[in-house]
Amino acid sequence: MEGNIAEMGQFIGAGLAGIGSGAAAIGVGTVAGNYLAGALRNPSAAASQTATLFIGMAFAEALGIFSFLVALLLMFAV
C-alpha cells in the first residue's frame, strides 16, 4: 500500500514539474513577440537587438529544460 502511494506522489510531482516546460514555451513566445513588435516599430534598431533576443530565448528555454530534468528525476531517481 505504501509503495503505491509513494509512486503516485512521484507521478504527481513529475506532472507539476512538467508545467515548467509549458511556461517556458509561453516565455519564449513572449520574448519573440516583444522583439518582433519592437523591430516593426523601429526597424533600424532591430539588428542591434538580435543578440538580446537569443539570450532571452536561451534563458527561458533553459528554465524549461531544468523543469523537465526535475520531472525526470522525480519519476526515475527518487
PDB file of N, CA and C in Angstrom:
ATOM      1  N   MET A   1       0.824  -1.198   0.000  1.00  0.00           N
ATOM      2  CA  MET A   1       0.000   0.000   0.000  1.00  0.00           C
ATOM      3  C   MET A   1       0.864   1.256   0.000  1.00  0.00           C
ATOM      4  N   GLU A   2       1.901   1.277   0.818  1.00  0.00           N
ATOM      5  CA  GLU A   2       2.729   2.480   0.881  1.00  0.00           C
ATOM      6  C   GLU A   2       3.511   2.697  -0.398  1.00  0.00           C
ATOM      7  N   GLY A   3       3.932   1.634  -1.046  1.00  0.00           N
ATOM      8  CA  GLY A   3       4.655   1.777  -2.305  1.00  0.00           C
ATOM      9  C   GLY A   3       3.802   2.424  -3.374  1.00  0.00           C
ATOM     10  N   ASN A   4       2.528   2.106  -3.402  1.00  0.00           N
ATOM     11  CA  ASN A   4       1.644   2.705  -4.393  1.00  0.00           C
ATOM     12  C   ASN A   4       1.439   4.188  -4.142  1.00  0.00           C
ATOM     13  N   ILE A   5       1.353   4.568  -2.882  1.00  0.00           N
ATOM     14  CA  ILE A   5       1.178   5.990  -2.543  1.00  0.00           C
ATOM     15  C   ILE A   5       2.447   6.762  -2.893  1.00  0.00           C
ATOM     16  N   ALA A   6       3.602   6.172  -2.626  1.00  0.00           N
ATOM     17  CA  ALA A   6       4.855   6.841  -2.962  1.00  0.00           C
ATOM     18  C   ALA A   6       5.001   6.994  -4.471  1.00  0.00           C
ATOM     19  N   GLU A   7       4.616   5.972  -5.213  1.00  0.00           N
ATOM     20  CA  GLU A   7       4.687   6.047  -6.674  1.00  0.00           C
ATOM     21  C   GLU A   7       3.717   7.097  -7.208  1.00  0.00           C
ATOM     22  N   MET A   8       2.555   7.183  -6.610  1.00  0.00           N
ATOM     23  CA  MET A   8       1.591   8.202  -7.009  1.00  0.00           C
ATOM     24  C   MET A   8       2.156   9.600  -6.744  1.00  0.00           C
ATOM     25  N   GLY A   9       2.834   9.768  -5.619  1.00  0.00           N
ATOM     26  CA  GLY A   9       3.450  11.056  -5.314  1.00  0.00           C
ATOM     27  C   GLY A   9       4.529  11.434  -6.306  1.00  0.00           C
ATOM     28  N   GLN A  10       5.277  10.429  -6.766  1.00  0.00           N
ATOM     29  CA  GLN A  10       6.301  10.703  -7.773  1.00  0.00           C
ATOM     30  C   GLN A  10       5.674  11.206  -9.068  1.00  0.00           C
ATOM     31  N   PHE A  11       4.607  10.563  -9.492  1.00  0.00           N
ATOM     32  CA  PHE A  11       3.975  10.958 -10.741  1.00  0.00           C
ATOM     33  C   PHE A  11       3.297  12.326 -10.630  1.00  0.00           C
ATOM     34  N   ILE A  12       2.696  12.602  -9.495  1.00  0.00           N
ATOM     35  CA  ILE A  12       2.080  13.922  -9.307  1.00  0.00           C
ATOM     36  C   ILE A  12       3.154  15.005  -9.286  1.00  0.00           C
ATOM     37  N   GLY A  13       4.256  14.752  -8.594  1.00  0.00           N
ATOM     38  CA  GLY A  13       5.353  15.726  -8.559  1.00  0.00           C
ATOM     39  C   GLY A  13       5.963  15.939  -9.924  1.00  0.00           C
ATOM     40  N   ALA A  14       6.113  14.862 -10.693  1.00  0.00           N
ATOM     41  CA  ALA A  14       6.670  14.997 -12.044  1.00  0.00           C
ATOM     42  C   ALA A  14       5.722  15.779 -12.942  1.00  0.00           C
ATOM     43  N   GLY A  15       4.426  15.561 -12.785  1.00  0.00           N
ATOM     44  CA  GLY A  15       3.456  16.318 -13.577  1.00  0.00           C
ATOM     45  C   GLY A  15       3.477  17.796 -13.239  1.00  0.00           C
ATOM     46  N   LEU A  16       3.602  18.097 -11.956  1.00  0.00           N
ATOM     47  CA  LEU A  16       3.669  19.502 -11.556  1.00  0.00           C
ATOM     48  C   LEU A  16       4.966  20.146 -12.029  1.00  0.00           C
ATOM     49  N   ALA A  17       6.069  19.407 -12.001  1.00  0.00           N
ATOM     50  CA  ALA A  17       7.330  19.954 -12.506  1.00  0.00           C
ATOM     51  C   ALA A  17       7.274  20.133 -14.013  1.00  0.00           C
ATOM     52  N   GLY A  18       6.491  19.315 -14.696  1.00  0.00           N
ATOM     53  CA  GLY A  18       6.352  19.433 -16.142  1.00  0.00           C
ATOM     54  C   GLY A  18       5.619  20.683 -16.584  1.00  0.00           C
ATOM     55  N   ILE A  19       4.906  21.313 -15.673  1.00  0.00           N
ATOM     56  CA  ILE A  19       4.223  22.572 -16.004  1.00  0.00           C
ATOM     57  C   ILE A  19       5.245  23.635 -16.411  1.00  0.00           C
ATOM     58  N   GLY A  20       6.446  23.533 -15.862  1.00  0.00           N
ATOM     59  CA  GLY A  20       7.503  24.487 -16.210  1.00  0.00           C
ATOM     60  C   GLY A  20       7.870  24.449 -17.674  1.00  0.00           C
ATOM     61  N   SER A  21       7.733  23.299 -18.314  1.00  0.00           N
ATOM     62  CA  SER A  21       8.027  23.220 -19.746  1.00  0.00           C
ATOM     63  C   SER A  21       7.031  24.047 -20.550  1.00  0.00           C
ATOM     64  N   GLY A  22       5.768  23.989 -20.166  1.00  0.00           N
ATOM     65  CA  GLY A  22       4.762  24.819 -20.824  1.00  0.00           C
ATOM     66  C   GLY A  22       4.971  26.291 -20.554  1.00  0.00           C
ATOM     67  N   ALA A  23       5.390  26.603 -19.339  1.00  0.00           N
ATOM     68  CA  ALA A  23       5.663  28.001 -19.002  1.00  0.00           C
ATOM     69  C   ALA A  23       6.859  28.526 -19.788  1.00  0.00           C
ATOM     70  N   ALA A  24       7.833  27.664 -20.051  1.00  0.00           N
ATOM     71  CA  ALA A  24       8.983  28.084 -20.852  1.00  0.00           C
ATOM     72  C   ALA A  24       8.560  28.390 -22.285  1.00  0.00           C
ATOM     73  N   ALA A  25       7.648  27.603 -22.813  1.00  0.00           N
ATOM     74  CA  ALA A  25       7.151  27.869 -24.167  1.00  0.00           C
ATOM     75  C   ALA A  25       6.426  29.209 -24.223  1.00  0.00           C
ATOM     76  N   ILE A  26       5.661  29.506 -23.196  1.00  0.00           N
ATOM     77  CA  ILE A  26       4.987  30.810 -23.133  1.00  0.00           C
ATOM     78  C   ILE A  26       6.021  31.926 -23.040  1.00  0.00           C
ATOM     79  N   GLY A  27       7.078  31.716 -22.266  1.00  0.00           N
ATOM     80  CA  GLY A  27       8.129  32.723 -22.126  1.00  0.00           C
ATOM     81  C   GLY A  27       8.861  32.986 -23.428  1.00  0.00           C
ATOM     82  N   VAL A  28       9.182  31.934 -24.162  1.00  0.00           N
ATOM     83  CA  VAL A  28       9.863  32.105 -25.446  1.00  0.00           C
ATOM     84  C   VAL A  28       8.958  32.849 -26.427  1.00  0.00           C
ATOM     85  N   GLY A  29       7.681  32.527 -26.412  1.00  0.00           N
ATOM     86  CA  GLY A  29       6.748  33.232 -27.281  1.00  0.00           C
ATOM     87  C   GLY A  29       6.634  34.706 -26.937  1.00  0.00           C
ATOM     88  N   THR A  30       6.654  35.003 -25.658  1.00  0.00           N
ATOM     89  CA  THR A  30       6.583  36.399 -25.221  1.00  0.00           C
ATOM     90  C   THR A  30       7.832  37.169 -25.637  1.00  0.00           C
ATOM     91  N   VAL A  31       8.997  36.550 -25.447  1.00  0.00           N
ATOM     92  CA  VAL A  31      10.250  37.214 -25.839  1.00  0.00           C
ATOM     93  C   VAL A  31      10.265  37.483 -27.345  1.00  0.00           C
ATOM     94  N   ALA A  32       9.922  36.481 -28.131  1.00  0.00           N
ATOM     95  CA  ALA A  32       9.933  36.650 -29.585  1.00  0.00           C
ATOM     96  C   ALA A  32       8.881  37.654 -30.036  1.00  0.00           C
ATOM     97  N   GLY A  33       7.718  37.630 -29.425  1.00  0.00           N
ATOM     98  CA  GLY A  33       6.665  38.574 -29.791  1.00  0.00           C
ATOM     99  C   GLY A  33       7.030  40.009 -29.479  1.00  0.00           C
ATOM    100  N   ASN A  34       7.642  40.223 -28.312  1.00  0.00           N
ATOM    101  CA  ASN A  34       8.051  41.585 -27.965  1.00  0.00           C
ATOM    102  C   ASN A  34       9.182  42.081 -28.863  1.00  0.00           C
ATOM    103  N   TYR A  35      10.091  41.172 -29.225  1.00  0.00           N
ATOM    104  CA  TYR A  35      11.147  41.565 -30.161  1.00  0.00           C
ATOM    105  C   TYR A  35      10.552  41.957 -31.506  1.00  0.00           C
ATOM    106  N   LEU A  36       9.624  41.159 -31.997  1.00  0.00           N
ATOM    107  CA  LEU A  36       9.010  41.451 -33.288  1.00  0.00           C
ATOM    108  C   LEU A  36       8.240  42.771 -33.248  1.00  0.00           C
ATOM    109  N   ALA A  37       7.537  43.022 -32.160  1.00  0.00           N
ATOM    110  CA  ALA A  37       6.808  44.286 -32.041  1.00  0.00           C
ATOM    111  C   ALA A  37       7.767  45.473 -32.034  1.00  0.00           C
ATOM    112  N   GLY A  38       8.880  45.337 -31.320  1.00  0.00           N
ATOM    113  CA  GLY A  38       9.869  46.408 -31.301  1.00  0.00           C
ATOM    114  C   GLY A  38      10.560  46.587 -32.638  1.00  0.00           C
ATOM    115  N   ALA A  39      10.833  45.471 -33.324  1.00  0.00           N
ATOM    116  CA  ALA A  39      11.500  45.554 -34.621  1.00  0.00           C
ATOM    117  C   ALA A  39      10.596  46.193 -35.664  1.00  0.00           C
ATOM    118  N   LEU A  40       9.305  45.952 -35.568  1.00  0.00           N
ATOM    119  CA  LEU A  40       8.390  46.577 -36.520  1.00  0.00           C
ATOM    120  C   LEU A  40       8.217  48.067 -36.249  1.00  0.00           C
ATOM    121  N   ARG A  41       8.369  48.469 -34.996  1.00  0.00           N
ATOM    122  CA  ARG A  41       8.274  49.906 -34.682  1.00  0.00           C
ATOM    123  C   ARG A  41       9.522  50.663 -35.120  1.00  0.00           C
ATOM    124  N   ASN A  42      10.683  50.034 -34.918  1.00  0.00           N
ATOM    125  CA  ASN A  42      11.949  50.702 -35.236  1.00  0.00           C
ATOM    126  C   ASN A  42      12.867  49.710 -35.959  1.00  0.00           C
ATOM    127  N   PRO A  43      12.722  49.549 -37.255  1.00  0.00           N
ATOM    128  CA  PRO A  43      13.497  48.550 -37.985  1.00  0.00           C
ATOM    129  C   PRO A  43      15.010  48.791 -37.957  1.00  0.00           C
ATOM    130  N   SER A  44      15.430  50.021 -37.810  1.00  0.00           N
ATOM    131  CA  SER A  44      16.874  50.290 -37.816  1.00  0.00           C
ATOM    132  C   SER A  44      17.557  49.780 -36.551  1.00  0.00           C
ATOM    133  N   ALA A  45      16.834  49.652 -35.449  1.00  0.00           N
ATOM    134  CA  ALA A  45      17.422  49.172 -34.202  1.00  0.00           C
ATOM    135  C   ALA A  45      17.276  47.665 -34.026  1.00  0.00           C
ATOM    136  N   ALA A  46      16.596  47.014 -34.944  1.00  0.00           N
ATOM    137  CA  ALA A  46      16.328  45.580 -34.796  1.00  0.00           C
ATOM    138  C   ALA A  46      17.606  44.755 -34.874  1.00  0.00           C
ATOM    139  N   ALA A  47      18.534  45.149 -35.725  1.00  0.00           N
ATOM    140  CA  ALA A  47      19.760  44.365 -35.886  1.00  0.00           C
ATOM    141  C   ALA A  47      20.612  44.364 -34.619  1.00  0.00           C
ATOM    142  N   SER A  48      20.597  45.466 -33.886  1.00  0.00           N
ATOM    143  CA  SER A  48      21.412  45.529 -32.670  1.00  0.00           C
ATOM    144  C   SER A  48      20.768  44.783 -31.505  1.00  0.00           C
ATOM    145  N   GLN A  49      19.514  44.427 -31.599  1.00  0.00           N
ATOM    146  CA  GLN A  49      18.825  43.734 -30.513  1.00  0.00           C
ATOM    147  C   GLN A  49      18.700  42.230 -30.742  1.00  0.00           C
ATOM    148  N   THR A  50      19.245  41.724 -31.824  1.00  0.00           N
ATOM    149  CA  THR A  50      19.125  40.294 -32.129  1.00  0.00           C
ATOM    150  C   THR A  50      19.832  39.441 -31.087  1.00  0.00           C
ATOM    151  N   ALA A  51      21.001  39.875 -30.628  1.00  0.00           N
ATOM    152  CA  ALA A  51      21.728  39.115 -29.604  1.00  0.00           C
ATOM    153  C   ALA A  51      20.923  39.045 -28.314  1.00  0.00           C
ATOM    154  N   THR A  52      20.287  40.137 -27.958  1.00  0.00           N
ATOM    155  CA  THR A  52      19.450  40.154 -26.760  1.00  0.00           C
ATOM    156  C   THR A  52      18.269  39.204 -26.904  1.00  0.00           C
ATOM    157  N   LEU A  53      17.723  39.113 -28.113  1.00  0.00           N
ATOM    158  CA  LEU A  53      16.627  38.180 -28.374  1.00  0.00           C
ATOM    159  C   LEU A  53      17.064  36.753 -28.099  1.00  0.00           C
ATOM    160  N   PHE A  54      18.217  36.367 -28.639  1.00  0.00           N
ATOM    161  CA  PHE A  54      18.668  34.989 -28.471  1.00  0.00           C
ATOM    162  C   PHE A  54      19.054  34.682 -27.030  1.00  0.00           C
ATOM    163  N   ILE A  55      19.609  35.640 -26.317  1.00  0.00           N
ATOM    164  CA  ILE A  55      19.936  35.430 -24.904  1.00  0.00           C
ATOM    165  C   ILE A  55      18.661  35.243 -24.090  1.00  0.00           C
ATOM    166  N   GLY A  56      17.652  36.058 -24.341  1.00  0.00           N
ATOM    167  CA  GLY A  56      16.383  35.911 -23.629  1.00  0.00           C
ATOM    168  C   GLY A  56      15.703  34.589 -23.929  1.00  0.00           C
ATOM    169  N   MET A  57      15.750  34.162 -25.183  1.00  0.00           N
ATOM    170  CA  MET A  57      15.159  32.872 -25.534  1.00  0.00           C
ATOM    171  C   MET A  57      15.927  31.727 -24.884  1.00  0.00           C
ATOM    172  N   ALA A  58      17.233  31.843 -24.815  1.00  0.00           N
ATOM    173  CA  ALA A  58      18.043  30.791 -24.202  1.00  0.00           C
ATOM    174  C   ALA A  58      17.749  30.674 -22.707  1.00  0.00           C
ATOM    175  N   PHE A  59      17.610  31.797 -22.018  1.00  0.00           N
ATOM    176  CA  PHE A  59      17.289  31.744 -20.589  1.00  0.00           C
ATOM    177  C   PHE A  59      15.908  31.133 -20.353  1.00  0.00           C
ATOM    178  N   ALA A  60      14.955  31.521 -21.158  1.00  0.00           N
ATOM    179  CA  ALA A  60      13.604  30.977 -20.998  1.00  0.00           C
ATOM    180  C   ALA A  60      13.590  29.482 -21.291  1.00  0.00           C
ATOM    181  N   GLU A  61      14.314  29.075 -22.306  1.00  0.00           N
ATOM    182  CA  GLU A  61      14.340  27.648 -22.657  1.00  0.00           C
ATOM    183  C   GLU A  61      15.126  26.845 -21.627  1.00  0.00           C
ATOM    184  N   ALA A  62      16.156  27.435 -21.040  1.00  0.00           N
ATOM    185  CA  ALA A  62      16.925  26.738 -20.006  1.00  0.00           C
ATOM    186  C   ALA A  62      16.055  26.423 -18.794  1.00  0.00           C
ATOM    187  N   LEU A  63      15.167  27.318 -18.432  1.00  0.00           N
ATOM    188  CA  LEU A  63      14.265  27.043 -17.311  1.00  0.00           C
ATOM    189  C   LEU A  63      13.334  25.883 -17.630  1.00  0.00           C
ATOM    190  N   GLY A  64      12.904  25.785 -18.881  1.00  0.00           N
ATOM    191  CA  GLY A  64      12.071  24.657 -19.291  1.00  0.00           C
ATOM    192  C   GLY A  64      12.834  23.344 -19.233  1.00  0.00           C
ATOM    193  N   ILE A  65      14.092  23.372 -19.642  1.00  0.00           N
ATOM    194  CA  ILE A  65      14.910  22.160 -19.591  1.00  0.00           C
ATOM    195  C   ILE A  65      15.160  21.752 -18.145  1.00  0.00           C
ATOM    196  N   PHE A  66      15.398  22.721 -17.266  1.00  0.00           N
ATOM    197  CA  PHE A  66      15.593  22.396 -15.848  1.00  0.00           C
ATOM    198  C   PHE A  66      14.343  21.767 -15.248  1.00  0.00           C
ATOM    199  N   SER A  67      13.183  22.289 -15.586  1.00  0.00           N
ATOM    200  CA  SER A  67      11.957  21.704 -15.039  1.00  0.00           C
ATOM    201  C   SER A  67      11.728  20.307 -15.595  1.00  0.00           C
ATOM    202  N   PHE A  68      12.099  20.076 -16.844  1.00  0.00           N
ATOM    203  CA  PHE A  68      11.999  18.735 -17.430  1.00  0.00           C
ATOM    204  C   PHE A  68      12.936  17.766 -16.711  1.00  0.00           C
ATOM    205  N   LEU A  69      14.151  18.216 -16.392  1.00  0.00           N
ATOM    206  CA  LEU A  69      15.084  17.364 -15.665  1.00  0.00           C
ATOM    207  C   LEU A  69      14.586  17.041 -14.263  1.00  0.00           C
ATOM    208  N   VAL A  70      13.977  18.006 -13.609  1.00  0.00           N
ATOM    209  CA  VAL A  70      13.405  17.753 -12.283  1.00  0.00           C
ATOM    210  C   VAL A  70      12.286  16.725 -12.382  1.00  0.00           C
ATOM    211  N   ALA A  71      11.474  16.829 -13.418  1.00  0.00           N
ATOM    212  CA  ALA A  71      10.397  15.855 -13.604  1.00  0.00           C
ATOM    213  C   ALA A  71      10.967  14.452 -13.819  1.00  0.00           C
ATOM    214  N   LEU A  72      12.020  14.347 -14.627  1.00  0.00           N
ATOM    215  CA  LEU A  72      12.641  13.039 -14.845  1.00  0.00           C
ATOM    216  C   LEU A  72      13.262  12.497 -13.559  1.00  0.00           C
ATOM    217  N   LEU A  73      13.899  13.364 -12.789  1.00  0.00           N
ATOM    218  CA  LEU A  73      14.478  12.925 -11.524  1.00  0.00           C
ATOM    219  C   LEU A  73      13.402  12.435 -10.557  1.00  0.00           C
ATOM    220  N   LEU A  74      12.292  13.125 -10.519  1.00  0.00           N
ATOM    221  CA  LEU A  74      11.216  12.698  -9.626  1.00  0.00           C
ATOM    222  C   LEU A  74      10.624  11.362 -10.053  1.00  0.00           C
ATOM    223  N   MET A  75      10.571  11.129 -11.346  1.00  0.00           N
ATOM    224  CA  MET A  75       9.962   9.877 -11.819  1.00  0.00           C
ATOM    225  C   MET A  75      10.895   8.682 -11.662  1.00  0.00           C
ATOM    226  N   PHE A  76      12.191   8.852 -11.929  1.00  0.00           N
ATOM    227  CA  PHE A  76      13.059   7.690 -12.026  1.00  0.00           C
ATOM    228  C   PHE A  76      14.131   7.594 -10.955  1.00  0.00           C
ATOM    229  N   ALA A  77      14.501   8.695 -10.308  1.00  0.00           N
ATOM    230  CA  ALA A  77      15.613   8.647  -9.357  1.00  0.00           C
ATOM    231  C   ALA A  77      15.156   8.636  -7.906  1.00  0.00           C
ATOM    232  N   VAL A  78      13.976   9.114  -7.629  1.00  0.00           N
ATOM    233  CA  VAL A  78      13.529   9.193  -6.232  1.00  0.00           C
ATOM    234  C   VAL A  78      12.783   7.923  -5.865  1.00  0.00           C
TER     235      VAL A  78
END
